[in-house]
């Protein structure tokens, strides 16, 4: 986590990031289920990632008609050379 914008993420966003990195793309409710956190907390974490350009909605809607999110290619955490 060398990038300054990543260091400043909230715990919710860091949790969402780890889940998306390992299991994504996922909806907020799927992130919540994987991480054993509440759906609102997962939604806040994903919203923060999206606001910072670390995640983006992708084509696809899960059963609950939620937006599905994936990490962006510019994500410094996902790039081990960064």
PDB file of N, CA and C in Angstrom:
ATOM      1  N   UNK A   1       0.834  -1.188   0.000  1.00  0.00           N
ATOM      2  CA  UNK A   1       0.000   0.000   0.000  1.00  0.00           C
ATOM      3  C   UNK A   1       0.875   1.246   0.000  1.00  0.00           C
ATOM      4  N   UNK A   2       1.609   1.444  -1.047  1.00  0.00           N
ATOM      5  CA  UNK A   2       2.521   2.550  -1.098  1.00  0.00           C
ATOM      6  C   UNK A   2       1.915   3.859  -1.549  1.00  0.00           C
ATOM      7  N   UNK A   3       0.793   3.836  -2.213  1.00  0.00           N
ATOM      8  CA  UNK A   3       0.171   5.033  -2.748  1.00  0.00           C
ATOM      9  C   UNK A   3      -0.533   5.812  -1.639  1.00  0.00           C
ATOM     10  N   UNK A   4      -0.335   7.114  -1.613  1.00  0.00           N
ATOM     11  CA  UNK A   4      -0.921   7.974  -0.577  1.00  0.00           C
ATOM     12  C   UNK A   4      -2.442   7.871  -0.542  1.00  0.00           C
ATOM     13  N   UNK A   5      -3.088   7.802  -1.703  1.00  0.00           N
ATOM     14  CA  UNK A   5      -4.551   7.745  -1.700  1.00  0.00           C
ATOM     15  C   UNK A   5      -5.055   6.426  -1.134  1.00  0.00           C
ATOM     16  N   UNK A   6      -4.260   5.395  -1.184  1.00  0.00           N
ATOM     17  CA  UNK A   6      -4.648   4.108  -0.617  1.00  0.00           C
ATOM     18  C   UNK A   6      -4.473   4.123   0.894  1.00  0.00           C
ATOM     19  N   UNK A   7      -3.424   4.736   1.358  1.00  0.00           N
ATOM     20  CA  UNK A   7      -3.190   4.822   2.808  1.00  0.00           C
ATOM     21  C   UNK A   7      -4.308   5.552   3.531  1.00  0.00           C
ATOM     22  N   UNK A   8      -4.955   6.465   2.837  1.00  0.00           N
ATOM     23  CA  UNK A   8      -5.991   7.277   3.468  1.00  0.00           C
ATOM     24  C   UNK A   8      -7.382   6.647   3.396  1.00  0.00           C
ATOM     25  N   UNK A   9      -7.511   5.446   2.857  1.00  0.00           N
ATOM     26  CA  UNK A   9      -8.811   4.784   2.779  1.00  0.00           C
ATOM     27  C   UNK A   9      -9.321   4.441   4.170  1.00  0.00           C
ATOM     28  N   UNK A  10     -10.639   4.470   4.319  1.00  0.00           N
ATOM     29  CA  UNK A  10     -11.249   4.021   5.560  1.00  0.00           C
ATOM     30  C   UNK A  10     -11.173   2.503   5.645  1.00  0.00           C
ATOM     31  N   UNK A  11     -11.465   1.982   6.812  1.00  0.00           N
ATOM     32  CA  UNK A  11     -11.467   0.523   6.984  1.00  0.00           C
ATOM     33  C   UNK A  11     -12.474  -0.136   6.051  1.00  0.00           C
ATOM     34  N   UNK A  12     -13.636   0.470   5.891  1.00  0.00           N
ATOM     35  CA  UNK A  12     -14.659  -0.092   5.005  1.00  0.00           C
ATOM     36  C   UNK A  12     -14.147  -0.207   3.575  1.00  0.00           C
ATOM     37  N   UNK A  13     -13.466   0.824   3.113  1.00  0.00           N
ATOM     38  CA  UNK A  13     -12.938   0.811   1.751  1.00  0.00           C
ATOM     39  C   UNK A  13     -11.812  -0.211   1.606  1.00  0.00           C
ATOM     40  N   UNK A  14     -10.982  -0.342   2.627  1.00  0.00           N
ATOM     41  CA  UNK A  14      -9.900  -1.333   2.569  1.00  0.00           C
ATOM     42  C   UNK A  14     -10.469  -2.750   2.541  1.00  0.00           C
ATOM     43  N   UNK A  15     -11.511  -2.992   3.330  1.00  0.00           N
ATOM     44  CA  UNK A  15     -12.153  -4.304   3.324  1.00  0.00           C
ATOM     45  C   UNK A  15     -12.753  -4.584   1.947  1.00  0.00           C
ATOM     46  N   UNK A  16     -13.480  -3.609   1.413  1.00  0.00           N
ATOM     47  CA  UNK A  16     -14.088  -3.775   0.090  1.00  0.00           C
ATOM     48  C   UNK A  16     -13.017  -4.032  -0.959  1.00  0.00           C
ATOM     49  N   UNK A  17     -11.901  -3.350  -0.847  1.00  0.00           N
ATOM     50  CA  UNK A  17     -10.811  -3.530  -1.799  1.00  0.00           C
ATOM     51  C   UNK A  17     -10.268  -4.947  -1.769  1.00  0.00           C
ATOM     52  N   UNK A  18     -10.032  -5.463  -0.586  1.00  0.00           N
ATOM     53  CA  UNK A  18      -9.491  -6.820  -0.462  1.00  0.00           C
ATOM     54  C   UNK A  18     -10.464  -7.832  -1.052  1.00  0.00           C
ATOM     55  N   UNK A  19     -11.746  -7.673  -0.760  1.00  0.00           N
ATOM     56  CA  UNK A  19     -12.741  -8.619  -1.278  1.00  0.00           C
ATOM     57  C   UNK A  19     -12.822  -8.517  -2.800  1.00  0.00           C
ATOM     58  N   UNK A  20     -12.862  -7.301  -3.336  1.00  0.00           N
ATOM     59  CA  UNK A  20     -12.916  -7.148  -4.791  1.00  0.00           C
ATOM     60  C   UNK A  20     -11.651  -7.692  -5.449  1.00  0.00           C
ATOM     61  N   UNK A  21     -10.532  -7.510  -4.798  1.00  0.00           N
ATOM     62  CA  UNK A  21      -9.271  -8.003  -5.340  1.00  0.00           C
ATOM     63  C   UNK A  21      -9.257  -9.529  -5.410  1.00  0.00           C
ATOM     64  N   UNK A  22      -9.815 -10.169  -4.410  1.00  0.00           N
ATOM     65  CA  UNK A  22      -9.789 -11.631  -4.339  1.00  0.00           C
ATOM     66  C   UNK A  22     -10.964 -12.314  -5.022  1.00  0.00           C
ATOM     67  N   UNK A  23     -12.126 -11.650  -5.052  1.00  0.00           N
ATOM     68  CA  UNK A  23     -13.342 -12.328  -5.524  1.00  0.00           C
ATOM     69  C   UNK A  23     -14.117 -11.547  -6.574  1.00  0.00           C
ATOM     70  N   UNK A  24     -13.711 -10.330  -6.890  1.00  0.00           N
ATOM     71  CA  UNK A  24     -14.502  -9.451  -7.741  1.00  0.00           C
ATOM     72  C   UNK A  24     -14.533  -9.870  -9.177  1.00  0.00           C
ATOM     73  N   UNK A  25     -15.364  -9.248  -9.946  1.00  0.00           N
ATOM     74  CA  UNK A  25     -16.299  -8.167  -9.615  1.00  0.00           C
ATOM     75  C   UNK A  25     -17.508  -8.669  -8.814  1.00  0.00           C
ATOM     76  N   UNK A  26     -17.980  -7.808  -7.916  1.00  0.00           N
ATOM     77  CA  UNK A  26     -19.082  -8.146  -7.025  1.00  0.00           C
ATOM     78  C   UNK A  26     -19.968  -6.932  -6.777  1.00  0.00           C
ATOM     79  N   UNK A  27     -21.184  -7.197  -6.335  1.00  0.00           N
ATOM     80  CA  UNK A  27     -22.094  -6.137  -5.902  1.00  0.00           C
ATOM     81  C   UNK A  27     -21.805  -5.817  -4.437  1.00  0.00           C
ATOM     82  N   UNK A  28     -22.309  -4.695  -3.934  1.00  0.00           N
ATOM     83  CA  UNK A  28     -22.107  -4.385  -2.515  1.00  0.00           C
ATOM     84  C   UNK A  28     -22.630  -5.474  -1.574  1.00  0.00           C
ATOM     85  N   UNK A  29     -23.784  -6.074  -1.893  1.00  0.00           N
ATOM     86  CA  UNK A  29     -24.301  -7.122  -1.006  1.00  0.00           C
ATOM     87  C   UNK A  29     -23.413  -8.366  -1.038  1.00  0.00           C
ATOM     88  N   UNK A  30     -22.814  -8.651  -2.183  1.00  0.00           N
ATOM     89  CA  UNK A  30     -21.896  -9.782  -2.272  1.00  0.00           C
ATOM     90  C   UNK A  30     -20.604  -9.493  -1.520  1.00  0.00           C
ATOM     91  N   UNK A  31     -20.123  -8.255  -1.590  1.00  0.00           N
ATOM     92  CA  UNK A  31     -18.938  -7.855  -0.813  1.00  0.00           C
ATOM     93  C   UNK A  31     -19.249  -8.014   0.670  1.00  0.00           C
ATOM     94  N   UNK A  32     -20.419  -7.555   1.085  1.00  0.00           N
ATOM     95  CA  UNK A  32     -20.821  -7.663   2.490  1.00  0.00           C
ATOM     96  C   UNK A  32     -20.845  -9.117   2.949  1.00  0.00           C
ATOM     97  N   UNK A  33     -21.395  -9.968   2.121  1.00  0.00           N
ATOM     98  CA  UNK A  33     -21.478 -11.390   2.460  1.00  0.00           C
ATOM     99  C   UNK A  33     -20.092 -12.025   2.572  1.00  0.00           C
ATOM    100  N   UNK A  34     -19.223 -11.725   1.620  1.00  0.00           N
ATOM    101  CA  UNK A  34     -17.864 -12.282   1.636  1.00  0.00           C
ATOM    102  C   UNK A  34     -17.055 -11.800   2.840  1.00  0.00           C
ATOM    103  N   UNK A  35     -17.264 -10.537   3.229  1.00  0.00           N
ATOM    104  CA  UNK A  35     -16.456  -9.938   4.286  1.00  0.00           C
ATOM    105  C   UNK A  35     -17.112 -10.007   5.668  1.00  0.00           C
ATOM    106  N   UNK A  36     -18.341 -10.517   5.720  1.00  0.00           N
ATOM    107  CA  UNK A  36     -19.090 -10.569   6.976  1.00  0.00           C
ATOM    108  C   UNK A  36     -19.256  -9.186   7.586  1.00  0.00           C
ATOM    109  N   UNK A  37     -19.617  -8.218   6.734  1.00  0.00           N
ATOM    110  CA  UNK A  37     -19.922  -6.862   7.181  1.00  0.00           C
ATOM    111  C   UNK A  37     -21.328  -6.515   6.699  1.00  0.00           C
ATOM    112  N   UNK A  38     -21.852  -5.399   7.176  1.00  0.00           N
ATOM    113  CA  UNK A  38     -23.199  -4.993   6.769  1.00  0.00           C
ATOM    114  C   UNK A  38     -23.180  -4.480   5.328  1.00  0.00           C
ATOM    115  N   UNK A  39     -24.332  -4.567   4.679  1.00  0.00           N
ATOM    116  CA  UNK A  39     -24.452  -4.062   3.314  1.00  0.00           C
ATOM    117  C   UNK A  39     -24.176  -2.558   3.263  1.00  0.00           C
ATOM    118  N   UNK A  40     -24.727  -1.751   4.193  1.00  0.00           N
ATOM    119  CA  UNK A  40     -24.410  -0.315   4.148  1.00  0.00           C
ATOM    120  C   UNK A  40     -22.907  -0.029   4.283  1.00  0.00           C
ATOM    121  N   UNK A  41     -22.222  -0.803   5.114  1.00  0.00           N
ATOM    122  CA  UNK A  41     -20.768  -0.601   5.251  1.00  0.00           C
ATOM    123  C   UNK A  41     -20.057  -0.949   3.954  1.00  0.00           C
ATOM    124  N   UNK A  42     -20.474  -2.039   3.304  1.00  0.00           N
ATOM    125  CA  UNK A  42     -19.885  -2.413   2.020  1.00  0.00           C
ATOM    126  C   UNK A  42     -20.185  -1.353   0.968  1.00  0.00           C
ATOM    127  N   UNK A  43     -21.398  -0.817   0.966  1.00  0.00           N
ATOM    128  CA  UNK A  43     -21.764   0.243   0.015  1.00  0.00           C
ATOM    129  C   UNK A  43     -20.898   1.479   0.218  1.00  0.00           C
ATOM    130  N   UNK A  44     -20.674   1.859   1.473  1.00  0.00           N
ATOM    131  CA  UNK A  44     -19.819   3.023   1.757  1.00  0.00           C
ATOM    132  C   UNK A  44     -18.380   2.770   1.287  1.00  0.00           C
ATOM    133  N   UNK A  45     -17.875   1.568   1.542  1.00  0.00           N
ATOM    134  CA  UNK A  45     -16.516   1.237   1.130  1.00  0.00           C
ATOM    135  C   UNK A  45     -16.353   1.263  -0.375  1.00  0.00           C
ATOM    136  N   UNK A  46     -17.309   0.679  -1.088  1.00  0.00           N
ATOM    137  CA  UNK A  46     -17.243   0.673  -2.551  1.00  0.00           C
ATOM    138  C   UNK A  46     -17.409   2.080  -3.099  1.00  0.00           C
ATOM    139  N   UNK A  47     -18.299   2.862  -2.507  1.00  0.00           N
ATOM    140  CA  UNK A  47     -18.482   4.251  -2.955  1.00  0.00           C
ATOM    141  C   UNK A  47     -17.184   5.043  -2.790  1.00  0.00           C
ATOM    142  N   UNK A  48     -16.496   4.818  -1.690  1.00  0.00           N
ATOM    143  CA  UNK A  48     -15.218   5.505  -1.485  1.00  0.00           C
ATOM    144  C   UNK A  48     -14.181   5.067  -2.517  1.00  0.00           C
ATOM    145  N   UNK A  49     -14.109   3.774  -2.786  1.00  0.00           N
ATOM    146  CA  UNK A  49     -13.181   3.284  -3.814  1.00  0.00           C
ATOM    147  C   UNK A  49     -13.502   3.909  -5.163  1.00  0.00           C
ATOM    148  N   UNK A  50     -14.777   3.970  -5.500  1.00  0.00           N
ATOM    149  CA  UNK A  50     -15.190   4.552  -6.781  1.00  0.00           C
ATOM    150  C   UNK A  50     -14.862   6.042  -6.826  1.00  0.00           C
ATOM    151  N   UNK A  51     -15.115   6.754  -5.735  1.00  0.00           N
ATOM    152  CA  UNK A  51     -14.811   8.195  -5.681  1.00  0.00           C
ATOM    153  C   UNK A  51     -13.326   8.470  -5.877  1.00  0.00           C
ATOM    154  N   UNK A  52     -12.493   7.571  -5.422  1.00  0.00           N
ATOM    155  CA  UNK A  52     -11.037   7.745  -5.533  1.00  0.00           C
ATOM    156  C   UNK A  52     -10.464   7.127  -6.809  1.00  0.00           C
ATOM    157  N   UNK A  53     -11.336   6.589  -7.648  1.00  0.00           N
ATOM    158  CA  UNK A  53     -10.886   6.022  -8.912  1.00  0.00           C
ATOM    159  C   UNK A  53     -10.255   4.648  -8.794  1.00  0.00           C
ATOM    160  N   UNK A  54     -10.493   3.958  -7.672  1.00  0.00           N
ATOM    161  CA  UNK A  54      -9.902   2.639  -7.465  1.00  0.00           C
ATOM    162  C   UNK A  54     -10.835   1.504  -7.859  1.00  0.00           C
ATOM    163  N   UNK A  55     -12.124   1.809  -8.029  1.00  0.00           N
ATOM    164  CA  UNK A  55     -13.104   0.807  -8.459  1.00  0.00           C
ATOM    165  C   UNK A  55     -14.091   1.486  -9.385  1.00  0.00           C
ATOM    166  N   UNK A  56     -14.745   0.674 -10.219  1.00  0.00           N
ATOM    167  CA  UNK A  56     -15.720   1.214 -11.154  1.00  0.00           C
ATOM    168  C   UNK A  56     -16.824   0.198 -11.395  1.00  0.00           C
ATOM    169  N   UNK A  57     -18.013   0.688 -11.720  1.00  0.00           N
ATOM    170  CA  UNK A  57     -19.084  -0.253 -12.062  1.00  0.00           C
ATOM    171  C   UNK A  57     -18.774  -0.922 -13.393  1.00  0.00           C
ATOM    172  N   UNK A  58     -19.145  -2.176 -13.489  1.00  0.00           N
ATOM    173  CA  UNK A  58     -18.934  -2.931 -14.722  1.00  0.00           C
ATOM    174  C   UNK A  58     -20.273  -3.451 -15.217  1.00  0.00           C
ATOM    175  N   UNK A  59     -20.302  -3.893 -16.444  1.00  0.00           N
ATOM    176  CA  UNK A  59     -21.534  -4.464 -16.991  1.00  0.00           C
ATOM    177  C   UNK A  59     -21.940  -5.663 -16.165  1.00  0.00           C
ATOM    178  N   UNK A  60     -23.172  -5.686 -15.808  1.00  0.00           N
ATOM    179  CA  UNK A  60     -23.672  -6.831 -15.060  1.00  0.00           C
ATOM    180  C   UNK A  60     -24.471  -6.375 -13.861  1.00  0.00           C
ATOM    181  N   UNK A  61     -25.502  -7.100 -13.583  1.00  0.00           N
ATOM    182  CA  UNK A  61     -26.371  -6.806 -12.458  1.00  0.00           C
ATOM    183  C   UNK A  61     -26.642  -8.123 -11.762  1.00  0.00           C
ATOM    184  N   UNK A  62     -26.502  -8.128 -10.454  1.00  0.00           N
ATOM    185  CA  UNK A  62     -26.755  -9.367  -9.725  1.00  0.00           C
ATOM    186  C   UNK A  62     -28.253  -9.548  -9.497  1.00  0.00           C
ATOM    187  N   UNK A  63     -28.623 -10.573  -8.750  1.00  0.00           N
ATOM    188  CA  UNK A  63     -30.032 -10.904  -8.543  1.00  0.00           C
ATOM    189  C   UNK A  63     -30.850  -9.745  -7.988  1.00  0.00           C
ATOM    190  N   UNK A  64     -30.268  -8.941  -7.115  1.00  0.00           N
ATOM    191  CA  UNK A  64     -30.984  -7.835  -6.474  1.00  0.00           C
ATOM    192  C   UNK A  64     -30.944  -6.554  -7.289  1.00  0.00           C
ATOM    193  N   UNK A  65     -30.523  -6.656  -8.552  1.00  0.00           N
ATOM    194  CA  UNK A  65     -30.423  -5.514  -9.456  1.00  0.00           C
ATOM    195  C   UNK A  65     -29.496  -4.420  -8.910  1.00  0.00           C
ATOM    196  N   UNK A  66     -28.414  -4.849  -8.300  1.00  0.00           N
ATOM    197  CA  UNK A  66     -27.398  -3.933  -7.812  1.00  0.00           C
ATOM    198  C   UNK A  66     -26.314  -3.776  -8.871  1.00  0.00           C
ATOM    199  N   UNK A  67     -25.639  -2.656  -8.829  1.00  0.00           N
ATOM    200  CA  UNK A  67     -24.477  -2.441  -9.697  1.00  0.00           C
ATOM    201  C   UNK A  67     -23.367  -3.383  -9.244  1.00  0.00           C
ATOM    202  N   UNK A  68     -22.606  -3.885 -10.183  1.00  0.00           N
ATOM    203  CA  UNK A  68     -21.477  -4.768  -9.897  1.00  0.00           C
ATOM    204  C   UNK A  68     -20.202  -3.963 -10.107  1.00  0.00           C
ATOM    205  N   UNK A  69     -19.258  -4.071  -9.173  1.00  0.00           N
ATOM    206  CA  UNK A  69     -18.037  -3.282  -9.203  1.00  0.00           C
ATOM    207  C   UNK A  69     -16.803  -4.156  -9.339  1.00  0.00           C
ATOM    208  N   UNK A  70     -15.786  -3.584  -9.987  1.00  0.00           N
ATOM    209  CA  UNK A  70     -14.481  -4.227 -10.114  1.00  0.00           C
ATOM    210  C   UNK A  70     -13.422  -3.167  -9.852  1.00  0.00           C
ATOM    211  N   UNK A  71     -12.242  -3.612  -9.475  1.00  0.00           N
ATOM    212  CA  UNK A  71     -11.125  -2.684  -9.292  1.00  0.00           C
ATOM    213  C   UNK A  71     -10.693  -2.160 -10.655  1.00  0.00           C
ATOM    214  N   UNK A  72     -10.195  -0.946 -10.683  1.00  0.00           N
ATOM    215  CA  UNK A  72      -9.731  -0.362 -11.931  1.00  0.00           C
ATOM    216  C   UNK A  72      -8.324  -0.852 -12.246  1.00  0.00           C
ATOM    217  N   UNK A  73      -7.928  -0.696 -13.495  1.00  0.00           N
ATOM    218  CA  UNK A  73      -6.585  -1.098 -13.900  1.00  0.00           C
ATOM    219  C   UNK A  73      -5.514  -0.210 -13.292  1.00  0.00           C
ATOM    220  N   UNK A  74      -5.891   1.006 -12.922  1.00  0.00           N
ATOM    221  CA  UNK A  74      -4.915   1.943 -12.368  1.00  0.00           C
ATOM    222  C   UNK A  74      -4.715   1.739 -10.875  1.00  0.00           C
ATOM    223  N   UNK A  75      -5.302   0.694 -10.308  1.00  0.00           N
ATOM    224  CA  UNK A  75      -5.245   0.469  -8.862  1.00  0.00           C
ATOM    225  C   UNK A  75      -3.821   0.142  -8.427  1.00  0.00           C
ATOM    226  N   UNK A  76      -3.196   0.985  -7.577  1.00  0.00           N
ATOM    227  CA  UNK A  76      -1.823   0.744  -7.164  1.00  0.00           C
ATOM    228  C   UNK A  76      -1.665  -0.456  -6.231  1.00  0.00           C
ATOM    229  N   UNK A  77      -2.728  -0.873  -5.558  1.00  0.00           N
ATOM    230  CA  UNK A  77      -2.615  -2.028  -4.682  1.00  0.00           C
ATOM    231  C   UNK A  77      -2.532  -3.305  -5.503  1.00  0.00           C
ATOM    232  N   UNK A  78      -3.312  -3.372  -6.558  1.00  0.00           N
ATOM    233  CA  UNK A  78      -3.353  -4.580  -7.377  1.00  0.00           C
ATOM    234  C   UNK A  78      -2.084  -4.753  -8.204  1.00  0.00           C
ATOM    235  N   UNK A  79      -1.319  -3.686  -8.398  1.00  0.00           N
ATOM    236  CA  UNK A  79      -0.095  -3.740  -9.184  1.00  0.00           C
ATOM    237  C   UNK A  79       1.107  -3.938  -8.261  1.00  0.00           C
ATOM    238  N   UNK A  80       1.670  -5.125  -8.177  1.00  0.00           N
ATOM    239  CA  UNK A  80       2.762  -5.388  -7.243  1.00  0.00           C
ATOM    240  C   UNK A  80       4.036  -4.614  -7.566  1.00  0.00           C
ATOM    241  N   UNK A  81       4.166  -4.091  -8.775  1.00  0.00           N
ATOM    242  CA  UNK A  81       5.381  -3.337  -9.116  1.00  0.00           C
ATOM    243  C   UNK A  81       5.312  -1.900  -8.636  1.00  0.00           C
ATOM    244  N   UNK A  82       4.137  -1.455  -8.182  1.00  0.00           N
ATOM    245  CA  UNK A  82       3.985  -0.052  -7.727  1.00  0.00           C
ATOM    246  C   UNK A  82       4.525   0.141  -6.351  1.00  0.00           C
TER     247      UNK A  82
END
